[in-house]
């Protein structure tokens, strides 16, 4: 009976053990020329977030460095208090072993994450962008100059809150945010939100348009120490 109770206790501990108990990831090189060891798969969903595609998850396209995993998941937990009425969706991250991640030029060492842009409907409710094979899992969506698409518009308050949460969780864990890539023509309203001053003071945003627009999603590179490739 005692052995049975100990076994149950061990199973419970393993089930609720935090990620930090697992072997930490090791990244090599840079986001555009690197690889990853012990990559960790992001959860498929949580209280206020979900992944962009079950197909992509099964294909192994949602792995990150263990430190990035903690930052991303903890930021969503922080948002339950910061923005309890908002919902979020993450997109492409990388492979468990890193390396070339087509069609992206980066996402090679577990430190890059794409997030689908938070939206609101005509009633002002927080909603997800639709992501499915017919629109290339959201990546084929194009916003107009006002950040609108098919009756939806960018929820700048939700977007700003998320970036702030990511930055605070990164700093809390001893790491950082290197940059956020988001269409420069759509950025100005971000700095008019309640989080505008914080963003200007703490977060580096893209100044020029990237090789792809980055309107329907924003790309975040995290600052975590990596070994030479």
C-alpha atoms as a PDB file:
ATOM      1  CA  UNK A   1       0.000   0.000   0.000  1.00  0.00           C
ATOM      2  CA  UNK A   2       2.839   2.381   0.877  1.00  0.00           C
ATOM      3  CA  UNK A   3       4.567   1.664  -2.456  1.00  0.00           C
ATOM      4  CA  UNK A   4       1.275   2.316  -4.267  1.00  0.00           C
ATOM      5  CA  UNK A   5       0.887   5.717  -2.556  1.00  0.00           C
ATOM      6  CA  UNK A   6       4.467   6.665  -3.367  1.00  0.00           C
ATOM      7  CA  UNK A   7       3.910   5.736  -7.015  1.00  0.00           C
ATOM      8  CA  UNK A   8       0.792   7.886  -7.186  1.00  0.00           C
ATOM      9  CA  UNK A   9       2.643  10.776  -5.596  1.00  0.00           C
ATOM     10  CA  UNK A  10       5.478  10.439  -8.109  1.00  0.00           C
ATOM     11  CA  UNK A  11       3.043  10.442 -11.031  1.00  0.00           C
ATOM     12  CA  UNK A  12       1.352  13.559  -9.677  1.00  0.00           C
ATOM     13  CA  UNK A  13       4.686  15.377  -9.256  1.00  0.00           C
ATOM     14  CA  UNK A  14       5.715  14.527 -12.799  1.00  0.00           C
ATOM     15  CA  UNK A  15       2.379  15.737 -14.141  1.00  0.00           C
ATOM     16  CA  UNK A  16       2.553  19.164 -12.504  1.00  0.00           C
ATOM     17  CA  UNK A  17       6.308  19.677 -12.597  1.00  0.00           C
ATOM     18  CA  UNK A  18       7.289  23.024 -14.147  1.00  0.00           C
ATOM     19  CA  UNK A  19       9.254  23.191 -17.357  1.00  0.00           C
ATOM     20  CA  UNK A  20      12.373  24.218 -15.425  1.00  0.00           C
ATOM     21  CA  UNK A  21      12.617  20.662 -14.111  1.00  0.00           C
ATOM     22  CA  UNK A  22      13.126  19.416 -17.652  1.00  0.00           C
ATOM     23  CA  UNK A  23      16.408  19.685 -19.491  1.00  0.00           C
ATOM     24  CA  UNK A  24      16.915  23.235 -20.719  1.00  0.00           C
ATOM     25  CA  UNK A  25      17.303  23.958 -24.414  1.00  0.00           C
ATOM     26  CA  UNK A  26      20.579  25.054 -25.973  1.00  0.00           C
ATOM     27  CA  UNK A  27      20.597  27.418 -28.942  1.00  0.00           C
ATOM     28  CA  UNK A  28      23.431  27.878 -31.410  1.00  0.00           C
ATOM     29  CA  UNK A  29      24.254  30.668 -33.828  1.00  0.00           C
ATOM     30  CA  UNK A  30      21.680  33.265 -34.794  1.00  0.00           C
ATOM     31  CA  UNK A  31      18.011  33.385 -35.711  1.00  0.00           C
ATOM     32  CA  UNK A  32      18.988  33.373 -39.408  1.00  0.00           C
ATOM     33  CA  UNK A  33      21.809  30.835 -39.171  1.00  0.00           C
ATOM     34  CA  UNK A  34      21.475  28.504 -36.233  1.00  0.00           C
ATOM     35  CA  UNK A  35      20.134  25.363 -34.658  1.00  0.00           C
ATOM     36  CA  UNK A  36      18.536  24.160 -31.429  1.00  0.00           C
ATOM     37  CA  UNK A  37      18.872  21.283 -29.007  1.00  0.00           C
ATOM     38  CA  UNK A  38      16.084  20.120 -26.671  1.00  0.00           C
ATOM     39  CA  UNK A  39      13.449  22.327 -28.277  1.00  0.00           C
ATOM     40  CA  UNK A  40      10.095  22.509 -26.463  1.00  0.00           C
ATOM     41  CA  UNK A  41       6.676  22.407 -28.125  1.00  0.00           C
ATOM     42  CA  UNK A  42       4.281  25.217 -27.249  1.00  0.00           C
ATOM     43  CA  UNK A  43       0.911  24.151 -25.790  1.00  0.00           C
ATOM     44  CA  UNK A  44      -1.877  23.837 -28.342  1.00  0.00           C
ATOM     45  CA  UNK A  45      -4.072  26.197 -26.317  1.00  0.00           C
ATOM     46  CA  UNK A  46      -4.611  27.872 -22.972  1.00  0.00           C
ATOM     47  CA  UNK A  47      -7.168  29.990 -21.149  1.00  0.00           C
ATOM     48  CA  UNK A  48      -6.769  33.001 -23.451  1.00  0.00           C
ATOM     49  CA  UNK A  49      -4.757  31.706 -26.386  1.00  0.00           C
ATOM     50  CA  UNK A  50      -4.493  29.017 -29.025  1.00  0.00           C
ATOM     51  CA  UNK A  51      -2.155  27.850 -31.753  1.00  0.00           C
ATOM     52  CA  UNK A  52      -2.769  28.752 -35.373  1.00  0.00           C
ATOM     53  CA  UNK A  53      -3.009  25.228 -36.782  1.00  0.00           C
ATOM     54  CA  UNK A  54      -3.336  21.661 -35.542  1.00  0.00           C
ATOM     55  CA  UNK A  55      -1.774  20.529 -38.816  1.00  0.00           C
ATOM     56  CA  UNK A  56       1.292  22.698 -38.243  1.00  0.00           C
ATOM     57  CA  UNK A  57       1.582  21.491 -34.664  1.00  0.00           C
ATOM     58  CA  UNK A  58       1.558  17.873 -35.818  1.00  0.00           C
ATOM     59  CA  UNK A  59       4.161  18.782 -38.449  1.00  0.00           C
ATOM     60  CA  UNK A  60       6.494  19.961 -35.670  1.00  0.00           C
ATOM     61  CA  UNK A  61       6.416  23.673 -36.534  1.00  0.00           C
ATOM     62  CA  UNK A  62       5.730  25.025 -33.023  1.00  0.00           C
ATOM     63  CA  UNK A  63       8.955  24.353 -31.105  1.00  0.00           C
ATOM     64  CA  UNK A  64      10.967  26.995 -29.253  1.00  0.00           C
ATOM     65  CA  UNK A  65      13.854  27.333 -26.824  1.00  0.00           C
ATOM     66  CA  UNK A  66      12.779  26.369 -23.284  1.00  0.00           C
ATOM     67  CA  UNK A  67      13.404  29.950 -22.070  1.00  0.00           C
ATOM     68  CA  UNK A  68      11.164  31.294 -24.827  1.00  0.00           C
ATOM     69  CA  UNK A  69       8.512  28.719 -23.914  1.00  0.00           C
ATOM     70  CA  UNK A  70       8.441  30.087 -20.362  1.00  0.00           C
ATOM     71  CA  UNK A  71       8.276  33.693 -21.561  1.00  0.00           C
ATOM     72  CA  UNK A  72       5.460  33.053 -24.025  1.00  0.00           C
ATOM     73  CA  UNK A  73       3.316  30.935 -21.702  1.00  0.00           C
ATOM     74  CA  UNK A  74       3.878  33.203 -18.702  1.00  0.00           C
ATOM     75  CA  UNK A  75       3.012  36.263 -20.778  1.00  0.00           C
ATOM     76  CA  UNK A  76      -0.376  34.749 -21.563  1.00  0.00           C
ATOM     77  CA  UNK A  77      -0.894  34.134 -17.846  1.00  0.00           C
ATOM     78  CA  UNK A  78       0.026  37.769 -17.138  1.00  0.00           C
ATOM     79  CA  UNK A  79      -2.491  38.893 -19.774  1.00  0.00           C
ATOM     80  CA  UNK A  80      -5.288  37.140 -17.899  1.00  0.00           C
ATOM     81  CA  UNK A  81      -4.952  40.042 -15.446  1.00  0.00           C
ATOM     82  CA  UNK A  82      -3.705  42.799 -17.764  1.00  0.00           C
ATOM     83  CA  UNK A  83      -6.293  42.204 -20.491  1.00  0.00           C
ATOM     84  CA  UNK A  84      -8.762  39.571 -19.254  1.00  0.00           C
ATOM     85  CA  UNK A  85     -11.235  40.112 -22.090  1.00  0.00           C
ATOM     86  CA  UNK A  86      -8.660  39.603 -24.872  1.00  0.00           C
ATOM     87  CA  UNK A  87      -7.800  36.440 -26.811  1.00  0.00           C
ATOM     88  CA  UNK A  88      -4.539  35.626 -28.579  1.00  0.00           C
ATOM     89  CA  UNK A  89      -3.139  33.263 -31.183  1.00  0.00           C
ATOM     90  CA  UNK A  90       0.470  32.303 -31.840  1.00  0.00           C
ATOM     91  CA  UNK A  91       1.725  31.104 -35.225  1.00  0.00           C
ATOM     92  CA  UNK A  92       5.009  29.750 -36.638  1.00  0.00           C
ATOM     93  CA  UNK A  93       7.965  29.183 -34.315  1.00  0.00           C
ATOM     94  CA  UNK A  94      10.448  26.557 -35.530  1.00  0.00           C
ATOM     95  CA  UNK A  95      11.531  22.925 -35.536  1.00  0.00           C
ATOM     96  CA  UNK A  96      12.630  21.015 -32.429  1.00  0.00           C
ATOM     97  CA  UNK A  97      16.193  20.864 -33.749  1.00  0.00           C
ATOM     98  CA  UNK A  98      16.094  24.326 -35.324  1.00  0.00           C
ATOM     99  CA  UNK A  99      17.751  24.888 -38.690  1.00  0.00           C
ATOM    100  CA  UNK A 100      16.255  26.089 -41.975  1.00  0.00           C
ATOM    101  CA  UNK A 101      12.563  26.805 -41.537  1.00  0.00           C
ATOM    102  CA  UNK A 102      10.964  27.517 -44.904  1.00  0.00           C
ATOM    103  CA  UNK A 103       9.621  29.903 -46.035  1.00  0.00           C
ATOM    104  CA  UNK A 104      11.103  31.999 -43.219  1.00  0.00           C
ATOM    105  CA  UNK A 105      14.559  33.547 -43.318  1.00  0.00           C
ATOM    106  CA  UNK A 106      14.869  33.291 -39.530  1.00  0.00           C
ATOM    107  CA  UNK A 107      13.276  30.988 -36.883  1.00  0.00           C
ATOM    108  CA  UNK A 108      16.415  28.809 -36.895  1.00  0.00           C
ATOM    109  CA  UNK A 109      17.547  28.674 -33.261  1.00  0.00           C
ATOM    110  CA  UNK A 110      14.353  28.647 -31.215  1.00  0.00           C
ATOM    111  CA  UNK A 111      14.294  32.365 -30.430  1.00  0.00           C
ATOM    112  CA  UNK A 112      11.764  33.548 -33.041  1.00  0.00           C
ATOM    113  CA  UNK A 113       7.990  33.457 -32.667  1.00  0.00           C
ATOM    114  CA  UNK A 114       5.235  34.737 -34.945  1.00  0.00           C
ATOM    115  CA  UNK A 115       2.006  35.880 -33.324  1.00  0.00           C
ATOM    116  CA  UNK A 116      -1.212  36.461 -35.238  1.00  0.00           C
ATOM    117  CA  UNK A 117      -2.361  40.060 -34.879  1.00  0.00           C
ATOM    118  CA  UNK A 118      -5.181  40.388 -32.286  1.00  0.00           C
ATOM    119  CA  UNK A 119      -8.425  41.610 -33.831  1.00  0.00           C
ATOM    120  CA  UNK A 120     -11.792  42.965 -32.766  1.00  0.00           C
ATOM    121  CA  UNK A 121     -15.119  42.635 -34.516  1.00  0.00           C
ATOM    122  CA  UNK A 122     -17.703  45.331 -35.267  1.00  0.00           C
ATOM    123  CA  UNK A 123     -19.038  45.033 -31.716  1.00  0.00           C
ATOM    124  CA  UNK A 124     -15.565  45.650 -30.295  1.00  0.00           C
ATOM    125  CA  UNK A 125     -15.159  42.085 -29.071  1.00  0.00           C
ATOM    126  CA  UNK A 126     -11.714  40.475 -29.085  1.00  0.00           C
ATOM    127  CA  UNK A 127     -11.550  37.781 -31.785  1.00  0.00           C
ATOM    128  CA  UNK A 128      -8.992  35.626 -33.573  1.00  0.00           C
ATOM    129  CA  UNK A 129      -7.911  36.049 -37.148  1.00  0.00           C
ATOM    130  CA  UNK A 130      -9.125  33.028 -39.141  1.00  0.00           C
ATOM    131  CA  UNK A 131      -6.261  30.642 -39.899  1.00  0.00           C
ATOM    132  CA  UNK A 132      -6.776  27.656 -42.201  1.00  0.00           C
ATOM    133  CA  UNK A 133      -5.191  26.014 -45.261  1.00  0.00           C
ATOM    134  CA  UNK A 134      -7.148  28.180 -47.718  1.00  0.00           C
ATOM    135  CA  UNK A 135      -5.491  31.368 -46.432  1.00  0.00           C
ATOM    136  CA  UNK A 136      -2.110  29.735 -45.780  1.00  0.00           C
ATOM    137  CA  UNK A 137      -2.944  29.496 -42.077  1.00  0.00           C
ATOM    138  CA  UNK A 138      -3.463  33.251 -41.901  1.00  0.00           C
ATOM    139  CA  UNK A 139      -0.233  34.257 -43.613  1.00  0.00           C
ATOM    140  CA  UNK A 140      -2.051  35.092 -46.857  1.00  0.00           C
ATOM    141  CA  UNK A 141      -4.285  37.697 -45.200  1.00  0.00           C
ATOM    142  CA  UNK A 142      -3.744  41.329 -46.210  1.00  0.00           C
ATOM    143  CA  UNK A 143      -4.976  44.276 -44.130  1.00  0.00           C
ATOM    144  CA  UNK A 144      -5.895  47.619 -45.634  1.00  0.00           C
ATOM    145  CA  UNK A 145      -4.067  50.801 -44.616  1.00  0.00           C
ATOM    146  CA  UNK A 146      -6.335  51.162 -41.577  1.00  0.00           C
ATOM    147  CA  UNK A 147      -5.570  47.645 -40.362  1.00  0.00           C
ATOM    148  CA  UNK A 148      -8.933  46.193 -41.383  1.00  0.00           C
ATOM    149  CA  UNK A 149      -9.839  42.831 -42.884  1.00  0.00           C
ATOM    150  CA  UNK A 150     -13.196  41.261 -43.649  1.00  0.00           C
ATOM    151  CA  UNK A 151     -15.162  43.207 -41.035  1.00  0.00           C
ATOM    152  CA  UNK A 152     -12.408  42.991 -38.442  1.00  0.00           C
ATOM    153  CA  UNK A 153      -9.833  45.567 -37.333  1.00  0.00           C
ATOM    154  CA  UNK A 154      -6.600  45.445 -35.371  1.00  0.00           C
ATOM    155  CA  UNK A 155      -7.100  45.449 -31.614  1.00  0.00           C
ATOM    156  CA  UNK A 156      -4.210  47.739 -30.761  1.00  0.00           C
ATOM    157  CA  UNK A 157      -4.890  47.609 -27.025  1.00  0.00           C
ATOM    158  CA  UNK A 158      -4.595  43.809 -27.071  1.00  0.00           C
ATOM    159  CA  UNK A 159      -1.514  43.944 -29.287  1.00  0.00           C
ATOM    160  CA  UNK A 160       0.255  46.507 -27.113  1.00  0.00           C
ATOM    161  CA  UNK A 161      -0.599  44.629 -23.917  1.00  0.00           C
ATOM    162  CA  UNK A 162       0.854  41.423 -25.351  1.00  0.00           C
ATOM    163  CA  UNK A 163       4.160  42.992 -26.360  1.00  0.00           C
ATOM    164  CA  UNK A 164       4.477  44.607 -22.935  1.00  0.00           C
ATOM    165  CA  UNK A 165       3.737  41.271 -21.253  1.00  0.00           C
ATOM    166  CA  UNK A 166       6.367  39.531 -23.401  1.00  0.00           C
ATOM    167  CA  UNK A 167       8.956  42.174 -22.548  1.00  0.00           C
ATOM    168  CA  UNK A 168       8.240  42.055 -18.812  1.00  0.00           C
ATOM    169  CA  UNK A 169       8.340  38.256 -18.702  1.00  0.00           C
ATOM    170  CA  UNK A 170      11.564  38.209 -20.715  1.00  0.00           C
ATOM    171  CA  UNK A 171      13.238  40.655 -18.317  1.00  0.00           C
ATOM    172  CA  UNK A 172      11.858  38.790 -15.309  1.00  0.00           C
ATOM    173  CA  UNK A 173      13.525  35.604 -16.518  1.00  0.00           C
ATOM    174  CA  UNK A 174      16.875  37.313 -17.124  1.00  0.00           C
ATOM    175  CA  UNK A 175      16.504  37.518 -20.909  1.00  0.00           C
ATOM    176  CA  UNK A 176      15.062  40.122 -23.249  1.00  0.00           C
ATOM    177  CA  UNK A 177      13.312  41.072 -26.448  1.00  0.00           C
ATOM    178  CA  UNK A 178      15.675  41.794 -29.313  1.00  0.00           C
ATOM    179  CA  UNK A 179      13.113  43.185 -31.764  1.00  0.00           C
ATOM    180  CA  UNK A 180       9.511  43.197 -32.900  1.00  0.00           C
ATOM    181  CA  UNK A 181       8.834  43.174 -36.645  1.00  0.00           C
ATOM    182  CA  UNK A 182       5.448  44.671 -37.515  1.00  0.00           C
ATOM    183  CA  UNK A 183       4.433  46.694 -40.572  1.00  0.00           C
ATOM    184  CA  UNK A 184       5.783  50.233 -39.865  1.00  0.00           C
ATOM    185  CA  UNK A 185       2.738  51.853 -41.494  1.00  0.00           C
ATOM    186  CA  UNK A 186       0.483  50.136 -38.954  1.00  0.00           C
ATOM    187  CA  UNK A 187       2.620  50.895 -35.886  1.00  0.00           C
ATOM    188  CA  UNK A 188       1.552  54.484 -34.952  1.00  0.00           C
ATOM    189  CA  UNK A 189      -1.715  53.538 -33.190  1.00  0.00           C
ATOM    190  CA  UNK A 190       0.279  51.201 -30.909  1.00  0.00           C
ATOM    191  CA  UNK A 191       1.953  54.207 -29.310  1.00  0.00           C
ATOM    192  CA  UNK A 192      -1.377  55.906 -28.686  1.00  0.00           C
ATOM    193  CA  UNK A 193      -2.533  53.114 -26.371  1.00  0.00           C
ATOM    194  CA  UNK A 194      -2.097  53.128 -22.602  1.00  0.00           C
ATOM    195  CA  UNK A 195       1.115  51.139 -23.159  1.00  0.00           C
ATOM    196  CA  UNK A 196       2.592  53.534 -25.718  1.00  0.00           C
ATOM    197  CA  UNK A 197       5.199  55.146 -23.473  1.00  0.00           C
ATOM    198  CA  UNK A 198       6.391  51.781 -22.202  1.00  0.00           C
ATOM    199  CA  UNK A 199       6.746  50.440 -25.736  1.00  0.00           C
ATOM    200  CA  UNK A 200       8.710  53.471 -26.912  1.00  0.00           C
ATOM    201  CA  UNK A 201      11.058  53.247 -23.936  1.00  0.00           C
ATOM    202  CA  UNK A 202      11.653  49.492 -23.894  1.00  0.00           C
ATOM    203  CA  UNK A 203      10.928  47.758 -27.199  1.00  0.00           C
ATOM    204  CA  UNK A 204      12.757  47.937 -30.520  1.00  0.00           C
ATOM    205  CA  UNK A 205      10.345  47.908 -33.453  1.00  0.00           C
ATOM    206  CA  UNK A 206      11.139  47.474 -37.140  1.00  0.00           C
ATOM    207  CA  UNK A 207      11.652  50.797 -38.913  1.00  0.00           C
ATOM    208  CA  UNK A 208      11.498  49.539 -42.482  1.00  0.00           C
ATOM    209  CA  UNK A 209       9.134  47.139 -44.179  1.00  0.00           C
ATOM    210  CA  UNK A 210      10.478  43.582 -44.183  1.00  0.00           C
ATOM    211  CA  UNK A 211      10.615  41.236 -47.183  1.00  0.00           C
ATOM    212  CA  UNK A 212       7.072  40.254 -46.235  1.00  0.00           C
ATOM    213  CA  UNK A 213       4.662  42.822 -44.879  1.00  0.00           C
ATOM    214  CA  UNK A 214       4.109  41.514 -41.323  1.00  0.00           C
ATOM    215  CA  UNK A 215       0.624  42.950 -40.960  1.00  0.00           C
ATOM    216  CA  UNK A 216      -1.471  39.883 -40.174  1.00  0.00           C
ATOM    217  CA  UNK A 217       1.254  38.757 -37.783  1.00  0.00           C
ATOM    218  CA  UNK A 218       4.073  40.273 -35.764  1.00  0.00           C
ATOM    219  CA  UNK A 219       7.443  38.578 -35.473  1.00  0.00           C
ATOM    220  CA  UNK A 220       9.256  38.637 -32.129  1.00  0.00           C
ATOM    221  CA  UNK A 221      12.925  37.718 -31.666  1.00  0.00           C
ATOM    222  CA  UNK A 222      13.956  37.006 -28.090  1.00  0.00           C
ATOM    223  CA  UNK A 223      17.364  37.733 -26.595  1.00  0.00           C
ATOM    224  CA  UNK A 224      18.762  34.546 -25.054  1.00  0.00           C
ATOM    225  CA  UNK A 225      22.460  33.668 -24.859  1.00  0.00           C
ATOM    226  CA  UNK A 226      23.436  31.105 -27.514  1.00  0.00           C
ATOM    227  CA  UNK A 227      26.595  29.130 -28.215  1.00  0.00           C
ATOM    228  CA  UNK A 228      28.576  29.657 -31.440  1.00  0.00           C
ATOM    229  CA  UNK A 229      27.347  27.566 -34.339  1.00  0.00           C
END
